[in-house]
């Protein structure tokens, strides 16, 4: 998907009618196409019929919770890397981490400011391949084709979510350098979005799992109290 051509489609999965109306109004005003589903089962059908560019997924839904919808979408190859923002009515940290652990790319707690939500949507669409950049980045046996938005390790394709992709891209542009959580937040999410530093740890864990899937050496080094680096000394 390339921003600036067809309107990006956002599937809003929400069972509160007033909130759907509010979201539709604000998103359409910003140039997005809006589809809606009011329960988890319908959300899965909608995605299967026509894959949206991003899913705004409420945690508390009838028939199937947002967490379960997210899990099912992540299990299918076609929607494994579909950008998902989880909307929670709960602000407890463990809930946010659970949303991310299930495979959501981001989360926002109700009640939220519309500007904050729009900033998160834009940032996530950027990370999921909104803008094609030239060239191939490589490190050891890892190669990232930035035009095709494809990553391989030892010739085998890797499946990364948009946030892990952007994080790996940043590491590949700066191999060997140690970055703090704050620097990674700035580089991957952007300065205008407030994200908890522990969110970085969750995505690092997901990135590690994705790139080590074939049993390759772990190339992400955790530097105690400093941050993370792409470094072959990791293992």
C-alpha atoms as a PDB file:
ATOM      1  CA  UNK A   1       0.000   0.000   0.000  1.00  0.00           C
ATOM      2  CA  UNK A   2       1.378   3.383  -0.949  1.00  0.00           C
ATOM      3  CA  UNK A   3       0.063   6.442   0.839  1.00  0.00           C
ATOM      4  CA  UNK A   4      -1.090   9.214  -1.418  1.00  0.00           C
ATOM      5  CA  UNK A   5      -2.815   6.989  -4.009  1.00  0.00           C
ATOM      6  CA  UNK A   6      -5.978   5.123  -3.011  1.00  0.00           C
ATOM      7  CA  UNK A   7      -7.418   6.144   0.337  1.00  0.00           C
ATOM      8  CA  UNK A   8      -6.179   3.860   3.121  1.00  0.00           C
ATOM      9  CA  UNK A   9      -9.036   1.792   4.558  1.00  0.00           C
ATOM     10  CA  UNK A  10      -9.499   1.506   8.300  1.00  0.00           C
ATOM     11  CA  UNK A  11     -11.717  -1.190   9.762  1.00  0.00           C
ATOM     12  CA  UNK A  12     -13.234   0.097  13.013  1.00  0.00           C
ATOM     13  CA  UNK A  13     -14.277  -2.805  15.247  1.00  0.00           C
ATOM     14  CA  UNK A  14     -16.406  -1.305  18.000  1.00  0.00           C
ATOM     15  CA  UNK A  15     -19.807  -2.048  19.539  1.00  0.00           C
ATOM     16  CA  UNK A  16     -20.613   1.446  20.832  1.00  0.00           C
ATOM     17  CA  UNK A  17     -22.624   3.188  18.088  1.00  0.00           C
ATOM     18  CA  UNK A  18     -21.829   6.781  19.225  1.00  0.00           C
ATOM     19  CA  UNK A  19     -18.101   6.037  19.176  1.00  0.00           C
ATOM     20  CA  UNK A  20     -18.315   4.459  15.689  1.00  0.00           C
ATOM     21  CA  UNK A  21     -20.061   7.620  14.446  1.00  0.00           C
ATOM     22  CA  UNK A  22     -17.420   9.858  16.017  1.00  0.00           C
ATOM     23  CA  UNK A  23     -14.536   7.772  14.623  1.00  0.00           C
ATOM     24  CA  UNK A  24     -16.078   7.578  11.146  1.00  0.00           C
ATOM     25  CA  UNK A  25     -16.563  11.370  11.051  1.00  0.00           C
ATOM     26  CA  UNK A  26     -12.992  12.145  12.151  1.00  0.00           C
ATOM     27  CA  UNK A  27     -11.281   9.473  10.051  1.00  0.00           C
ATOM     28  CA  UNK A  28     -13.181  10.346   6.868  1.00  0.00           C
ATOM     29  CA  UNK A  29     -12.349  14.020   7.424  1.00  0.00           C
ATOM     30  CA  UNK A  30      -8.671  13.006   7.433  1.00  0.00           C
ATOM     31  CA  UNK A  31      -9.031  11.194   4.106  1.00  0.00           C
ATOM     32  CA  UNK A  32      -9.451   7.587   5.272  1.00  0.00           C
ATOM     33  CA  UNK A  33     -12.073   5.116   4.064  1.00  0.00           C
ATOM     34  CA  UNK A  34     -13.922   3.594   7.006  1.00  0.00           C
ATOM     35  CA  UNK A  35     -15.429   0.117   7.251  1.00  0.00           C
ATOM     36  CA  UNK A  36     -17.078  -1.052  10.452  1.00  0.00           C
ATOM     37  CA  UNK A  37     -17.802  -4.236  12.378  1.00  0.00           C
ATOM     38  CA  UNK A  38     -19.667  -4.380  15.666  1.00  0.00           C
ATOM     39  CA  UNK A  39     -18.462  -7.736  16.972  1.00  0.00           C
ATOM     40  CA  UNK A  40     -15.441 -10.021  16.704  1.00  0.00           C
ATOM     41  CA  UNK A  41     -16.990 -12.562  14.360  1.00  0.00           C
ATOM     42  CA  UNK A  42     -18.037  -9.847  11.901  1.00  0.00           C
ATOM     43  CA  UNK A  43     -14.554  -8.316  12.100  1.00  0.00           C
ATOM     44  CA  UNK A  44     -12.930 -11.573  10.954  1.00  0.00           C
ATOM     45  CA  UNK A  45     -15.419 -11.844   8.060  1.00  0.00           C
ATOM     46  CA  UNK A  46     -14.774  -8.248   7.002  1.00  0.00           C
ATOM     47  CA  UNK A  47     -11.005  -8.747   6.978  1.00  0.00           C
ATOM     48  CA  UNK A  48     -11.356 -11.989   4.986  1.00  0.00           C
ATOM     49  CA  UNK A  49     -13.574 -10.262   2.377  1.00  0.00           C
ATOM     50  CA  UNK A  50     -11.334  -7.246   1.833  1.00  0.00           C
ATOM     51  CA  UNK A  51      -8.114  -6.728   3.756  1.00  0.00           C
ATOM     52  CA  UNK A  52      -8.072  -3.216   5.240  1.00  0.00           C
ATOM     53  CA  UNK A  53      -4.875  -1.166   5.646  1.00  0.00           C
ATOM     54  CA  UNK A  54      -5.327  -0.984   9.417  1.00  0.00           C
ATOM     55  CA  UNK A  55      -7.672  -2.371  12.073  1.00  0.00           C
ATOM     56  CA  UNK A  56      -8.796  -0.298  15.047  1.00  0.00           C
ATOM     57  CA  UNK A  57      -9.882  -3.068  17.383  1.00  0.00           C
ATOM     58  CA  UNK A  58     -11.808  -2.687  20.631  1.00  0.00           C
ATOM     59  CA  UNK A  59     -10.727  -5.080  23.401  1.00  0.00           C
ATOM     60  CA  UNK A  60     -14.241  -5.645  24.805  1.00  0.00           C
ATOM     61  CA  UNK A  61     -16.518  -7.014  22.067  1.00  0.00           C
ATOM     62  CA  UNK A  62     -19.550  -9.300  21.845  1.00  0.00           C
ATOM     63  CA  UNK A  63     -19.106 -12.898  20.511  1.00  0.00           C
ATOM     64  CA  UNK A  64     -15.306 -12.754  20.358  1.00  0.00           C
ATOM     65  CA  UNK A  65     -12.986 -10.459  22.310  1.00  0.00           C
ATOM     66  CA  UNK A  66     -10.550  -8.136  20.568  1.00  0.00           C
ATOM     67  CA  UNK A  67      -7.710 -10.207  22.003  1.00  0.00           C
ATOM     68  CA  UNK A  68      -9.097 -13.355  20.349  1.00  0.00           C
ATOM     69  CA  UNK A  69      -9.697 -11.541  17.029  1.00  0.00           C
ATOM     70  CA  UNK A  70      -6.097 -10.315  17.116  1.00  0.00           C
ATOM     71  CA  UNK A  71      -4.833 -13.836  17.864  1.00  0.00           C
ATOM     72  CA  UNK A  72      -6.763 -15.325  14.946  1.00  0.00           C
ATOM     73  CA  UNK A  73      -5.602 -12.634  12.507  1.00  0.00           C
ATOM     74  CA  UNK A  74      -1.983 -13.213  13.536  1.00  0.00           C
ATOM     75  CA  UNK A  75      -2.314 -16.963  12.946  1.00  0.00           C
ATOM     76  CA  UNK A  76      -3.224 -16.573   9.255  1.00  0.00           C
ATOM     77  CA  UNK A  77      -0.378 -15.843   6.811  1.00  0.00           C
ATOM     78  CA  UNK A  78      -2.531 -13.327   4.885  1.00  0.00           C
ATOM     79  CA  UNK A  79      -3.095 -11.143   7.954  1.00  0.00           C
ATOM     80  CA  UNK A  80       0.033 -11.923   9.939  1.00  0.00           C
ATOM     81  CA  UNK A  81       1.403  -8.423   9.394  1.00  0.00           C
ATOM     82  CA  UNK A  82      -1.892  -6.497   9.207  1.00  0.00           C
ATOM     83  CA  UNK A  83      -1.484  -3.287  11.275  1.00  0.00           C
ATOM     84  CA  UNK A  84      -3.640  -3.508  14.421  1.00  0.00           C
ATOM     85  CA  UNK A  85      -4.246  -0.865  17.091  1.00  0.00           C
ATOM     86  CA  UNK A  86      -6.024  -2.246  20.156  1.00  0.00           C
ATOM     87  CA  UNK A  87      -8.419   0.099  21.978  1.00  0.00           C
ATOM     88  CA  UNK A  88      -8.664  -0.732  25.674  1.00  0.00           C
ATOM     89  CA  UNK A  89     -10.981   0.744  28.284  1.00  0.00           C
ATOM     90  CA  UNK A  90      -8.439  -0.311  30.865  1.00  0.00           C
ATOM     91  CA  UNK A  91      -5.242   1.540  31.558  1.00  0.00           C
ATOM     92  CA  UNK A  92      -3.455  -1.087  33.648  1.00  0.00           C
ATOM     93  CA  UNK A  93       0.017  -1.695  32.272  1.00  0.00           C
ATOM     94  CA  UNK A  94      -0.350  -5.464  32.175  1.00  0.00           C
ATOM     95  CA  UNK A  95      -3.367  -5.080  29.885  1.00  0.00           C
ATOM     96  CA  UNK A  96      -1.346  -2.987  27.467  1.00  0.00           C
ATOM     97  CA  UNK A  97       1.463  -5.542  27.499  1.00  0.00           C
ATOM     98  CA  UNK A  98      -1.081  -8.354  27.010  1.00  0.00           C
ATOM     99  CA  UNK A  99      -2.499  -6.535  23.972  1.00  0.00           C
ATOM    100  CA  UNK A 100       1.006  -6.275  22.507  1.00  0.00           C
ATOM    101  CA  UNK A 101       1.874  -9.865  23.409  1.00  0.00           C
ATOM    102  CA  UNK A 102      -1.189 -11.058  21.487  1.00  0.00           C
ATOM    103  CA  UNK A 103       0.211  -9.376  18.400  1.00  0.00           C
ATOM    104  CA  UNK A 104      -1.271  -5.853  18.370  1.00  0.00           C
ATOM    105  CA  UNK A 105       1.144  -3.244  16.989  1.00  0.00           C
ATOM    106  CA  UNK A 106      -0.034  -0.494  19.284  1.00  0.00           C
ATOM    107  CA  UNK A 107      -2.712   0.248  21.851  1.00  0.00           C
ATOM    108  CA  UNK A 108      -4.600   3.300  23.051  1.00  0.00           C
ATOM    109  CA  UNK A 109      -6.738   3.608  26.193  1.00  0.00           C
ATOM    110  CA  UNK A 110     -10.248   5.077  26.295  1.00  0.00           C
ATOM    111  CA  UNK A 111     -11.106   7.874  26.599  1.00  0.00           C
ATOM    112  CA  UNK A 112      -8.555   9.012  24.016  1.00  0.00           C
ATOM    113  CA  UNK A 113      -7.919  12.323  22.274  1.00  0.00           C
ATOM    114  CA  UNK A 114      -8.696  12.088  18.560  1.00  0.00           C
ATOM    115  CA  UNK A 115      -5.405  13.834  17.669  1.00  0.00           C
ATOM    116  CA  UNK A 116      -3.450  11.214  19.586  1.00  0.00           C
ATOM    117  CA  UNK A 117      -5.273   8.387  17.825  1.00  0.00           C
ATOM    118  CA  UNK A 118      -4.736   9.953  14.383  1.00  0.00           C
ATOM    119  CA  UNK A 119      -1.018  10.374  15.106  1.00  0.00           C
ATOM    120  CA  UNK A 120      -0.770   6.683  16.035  1.00  0.00           C
ATOM    121  CA  UNK A 121      -2.680   5.598  12.914  1.00  0.00           C
ATOM    122  CA  UNK A 122      -0.434   7.686  10.651  1.00  0.00           C
ATOM    123  CA  UNK A 123       2.735   6.442  12.321  1.00  0.00           C
ATOM    124  CA  UNK A 124       1.647   2.820  12.023  1.00  0.00           C
ATOM    125  CA  UNK A 125       0.682   3.204   8.348  1.00  0.00           C
ATOM    126  CA  UNK A 126       4.118   4.741   7.727  1.00  0.00           C
ATOM    127  CA  UNK A 127       5.760   1.772   9.438  1.00  0.00           C
ATOM    128  CA  UNK A 128       3.702  -0.728   7.456  1.00  0.00           C
ATOM    129  CA  UNK A 129       5.141   0.380   4.143  1.00  0.00           C
ATOM    130  CA  UNK A 130       3.478   3.662   3.383  1.00  0.00           C
ATOM    131  CA  UNK A 131       6.591   5.021   1.693  1.00  0.00           C
ATOM    132  CA  UNK A 132       8.913   2.952  -0.470  1.00  0.00           C
ATOM    133  CA  UNK A 133      12.580   3.737   0.111  1.00  0.00           C
ATOM    134  CA  UNK A 134      15.335   2.629  -2.195  1.00  0.00           C
ATOM    135  CA  UNK A 135      17.743  -0.204  -1.826  1.00  0.00           C
ATOM    136  CA  UNK A 136      18.639  -3.275   0.158  1.00  0.00           C
ATOM    137  CA  UNK A 137      20.031  -3.288   3.682  1.00  0.00           C
ATOM    138  CA  UNK A 138      22.093  -6.274   4.825  1.00  0.00           C
ATOM    139  CA  UNK A 139      23.768  -7.496   7.976  1.00  0.00           C
ATOM    140  CA  UNK A 140      25.407 -10.944   8.108  1.00  0.00           C
ATOM    141  CA  UNK A 141      22.754 -13.261   6.557  1.00  0.00           C
ATOM    142  CA  UNK A 142      19.837 -10.817   7.036  1.00  0.00           C
ATOM    143  CA  UNK A 143      18.677  -8.845   3.977  1.00  0.00           C
ATOM    144  CA  UNK A 144      15.937  -6.224   3.772  1.00  0.00           C
ATOM    145  CA  UNK A 145      14.609  -5.214   0.363  1.00  0.00           C
ATOM    146  CA  UNK A 146      13.116  -1.807   1.175  1.00  0.00           C
ATOM    147  CA  UNK A 147      11.254  -1.463  -2.133  1.00  0.00           C
ATOM    148  CA  UNK A 148       9.522  -4.835  -1.896  1.00  0.00           C
ATOM    149  CA  UNK A 149       9.188  -4.447   1.899  1.00  0.00           C
ATOM    150  CA  UNK A 150      10.614  -7.956   2.283  1.00  0.00           C
ATOM    151  CA  UNK A 151      13.082  -9.425   4.773  1.00  0.00           C
ATOM    152  CA  UNK A 152      15.008 -12.678   4.401  1.00  0.00           C
ATOM    153  CA  UNK A 153      17.507 -14.526   6.545  1.00  0.00           C
ATOM    154  CA  UNK A 154      19.826 -16.984   4.822  1.00  0.00           C
ATOM    155  CA  UNK A 155      17.473 -16.661   1.829  1.00  0.00           C
ATOM    156  CA  UNK A 156      14.340 -17.641   3.780  1.00  0.00           C
ATOM    157  CA  UNK A 157      11.553 -15.049   4.143  1.00  0.00           C
ATOM    158  CA  UNK A 158      10.899 -13.614   7.618  1.00  0.00           C
ATOM    159  CA  UNK A 159       7.456 -12.441   8.718  1.00  0.00           C
ATOM    160  CA  UNK A 160       7.618  -9.174  10.631  1.00  0.00           C
ATOM    161  CA  UNK A 161       4.842  -6.902  11.835  1.00  0.00           C
ATOM    162  CA  UNK A 162       5.115  -3.235  10.795  1.00  0.00           C
ATOM    163  CA  UNK A 163       6.713  -2.143  14.066  1.00  0.00           C
ATOM    164  CA  UNK A 164       9.294  -4.942  14.042  1.00  0.00           C
ATOM    165  CA  UNK A 165      10.040  -4.162  10.383  1.00  0.00           C
ATOM    166  CA  UNK A 166      10.680  -0.484  11.126  1.00  0.00           C
ATOM    167  CA  UNK A 167      12.796  -1.400  14.170  1.00  0.00           C
ATOM    168  CA  UNK A 168      14.921  -3.841  12.178  1.00  0.00           C
ATOM    169  CA  UNK A 169      15.270  -1.266   9.388  1.00  0.00           C
ATOM    170  CA  UNK A 170      16.604   1.252  11.917  1.00  0.00           C
ATOM    171  CA  UNK A 171      19.049  -1.309  13.363  1.00  0.00           C
ATOM    172  CA  UNK A 172      20.215  -2.293   9.847  1.00  0.00           C
ATOM    173  CA  UNK A 173      20.888   1.367   9.073  1.00  0.00           C
ATOM    174  CA  UNK A 174      23.000   1.602  12.244  1.00  0.00           C
ATOM    175  CA  UNK A 175      24.605  -1.811  12.907  1.00  0.00           C
ATOM    176  CA  UNK A 176      26.705  -2.185  16.039  1.00  0.00           C
ATOM    177  CA  UNK A 177      25.366   0.994  17.649  1.00  0.00           C
ATOM    178  CA  UNK A 178      23.621   0.775  21.003  1.00  0.00           C
ATOM    179  CA  UNK A 179      20.304   2.613  21.235  1.00  0.00           C
ATOM    180  CA  UNK A 180      18.385   3.433  24.390  1.00  0.00           C
ATOM    181  CA  UNK A 181      14.666   2.701  24.583  1.00  0.00           C
ATOM    182  CA  UNK A 182      13.992   6.429  24.199  1.00  0.00           C
ATOM    183  CA  UNK A 183      16.075   6.634  21.002  1.00  0.00           C
ATOM    184  CA  UNK A 184      14.235   3.617  19.585  1.00  0.00           C
ATOM    185  CA  UNK A 185      10.874   5.164  20.490  1.00  0.00           C
ATOM    186  CA  UNK A 186      11.817   8.359  18.646  1.00  0.00           C
ATOM    187  CA  UNK A 187      13.092   6.489  15.593  1.00  0.00           C
ATOM    188  CA  UNK A 188      10.278   3.957  15.285  1.00  0.00           C
ATOM    189  CA  UNK A 189       7.181   5.673  16.702  1.00  0.00           C
ATOM    190  CA  UNK A 190       8.142   9.326  16.216  1.00  0.00           C
ATOM    191  CA  UNK A 191       8.487  12.129  18.742  1.00  0.00           C
ATOM    192  CA  UNK A 192       4.844  13.168  18.672  1.00  0.00           C
ATOM    193  CA  UNK A 193       3.564   9.928  20.192  1.00  0.00           C
ATOM    194  CA  UNK A 194       3.817   8.988  23.847  1.00  0.00           C
ATOM    195  CA  UNK A 195       4.689   5.293  24.202  1.00  0.00           C
ATOM    196  CA  UNK A 196       5.769   3.473  27.355  1.00  0.00           C
ATOM    197  CA  UNK A 197       9.449   2.425  27.232  1.00  0.00           C
ATOM    198  CA  UNK A 198       8.444  -1.158  28.144  1.00  0.00           C
ATOM    199  CA  UNK A 199       6.587  -1.305  24.801  1.00  0.00           C
ATOM    200  CA  UNK A 200      10.039  -1.337  23.179  1.00  0.00           C
ATOM    201  CA  UNK A 201      10.937  -4.482  25.148  1.00  0.00           C
ATOM    202  CA  UNK A 202       7.821  -6.275  23.882  1.00  0.00           C
ATOM    203  CA  UNK A 203       8.617  -5.414  20.248  1.00  0.00           C
ATOM    204  CA  UNK A 204      12.294  -6.352  20.678  1.00  0.00           C
ATOM    205  CA  UNK A 205      11.127  -9.730  21.978  1.00  0.00           C
ATOM    206  CA  UNK A 206       8.875 -10.147  18.930  1.00  0.00           C
ATOM    207  CA  UNK A 207      11.658  -9.067  16.557  1.00  0.00           C
ATOM    208  CA  UNK A 208      14.086 -11.549  18.156  1.00  0.00           C
ATOM    209  CA  UNK A 209      11.578 -14.358  17.835  1.00  0.00           C
ATOM    210  CA  UNK A 210      10.868 -13.503  14.170  1.00  0.00           C
ATOM    211  CA  UNK A 211      14.486 -13.281  13.026  1.00  0.00           C
ATOM    212  CA  UNK A 212      15.696 -16.300  15.023  1.00  0.00           C
ATOM    213  CA  UNK A 213      12.880 -18.497  13.748  1.00  0.00           C
ATOM    214  CA  UNK A 214      15.153 -20.806  11.765  1.00  0.00           C
ATOM    215  CA  UNK A 215      17.559 -21.243  14.653  1.00  0.00           C
ATOM    216  CA  UNK A 216      19.992 -18.570  13.428  1.00  0.00           C
ATOM    217  CA  UNK A 217      22.351 -16.841  15.862  1.00  0.00           C
ATOM    218  CA  UNK A 218      20.691 -14.138  17.967  1.00  0.00           C
ATOM    219  CA  UNK A 219      21.965 -10.845  16.555  1.00  0.00           C
ATOM    220  CA  UNK A 220      20.119  -8.483  18.890  1.00  0.00           C
ATOM    221  CA  UNK A 221      22.220  -7.602  21.873  1.00  0.00           C
ATOM    222  CA  UNK A 222      20.687  -6.359  25.111  1.00  0.00           C
ATOM    223  CA  UNK A 223      23.055  -3.922  26.795  1.00  0.00           C
ATOM    224  CA  UNK A 224      22.224  -3.795  30.489  1.00  0.00           C
ATOM    225  CA  UNK A 225      20.773  -0.414  31.518  1.00  0.00           C
ATOM    226  CA  UNK A 226      21.770   1.074  28.134  1.00  0.00           C
ATOM    227  CA  UNK A 227      19.455  -0.436  25.509  1.00  0.00           C
ATOM    228  CA  UNK A 228      19.766  -2.626  22.429  1.00  0.00           C
ATOM    229  CA  UNK A 229      22.028  -3.113  19.404  1.00  0.00           C
ATOM    230  CA  UNK A 230      22.163  -5.162  16.214  1.00  0.00           C
ATOM    231  CA  UNK A 231      25.433  -6.899  16.895  1.00  0.00           C
ATOM    232  CA  UNK A 232      26.827 -10.313  16.034  1.00  0.00           C
ATOM    233  CA  UNK A 233      28.424 -10.456  19.481  1.00  0.00           C
ATOM    234  CA  UNK A 234      24.878 -10.833  20.836  1.00  0.00           C
ATOM    235  CA  UNK A 235      25.106 -14.563  21.248  1.00  0.00           C
END
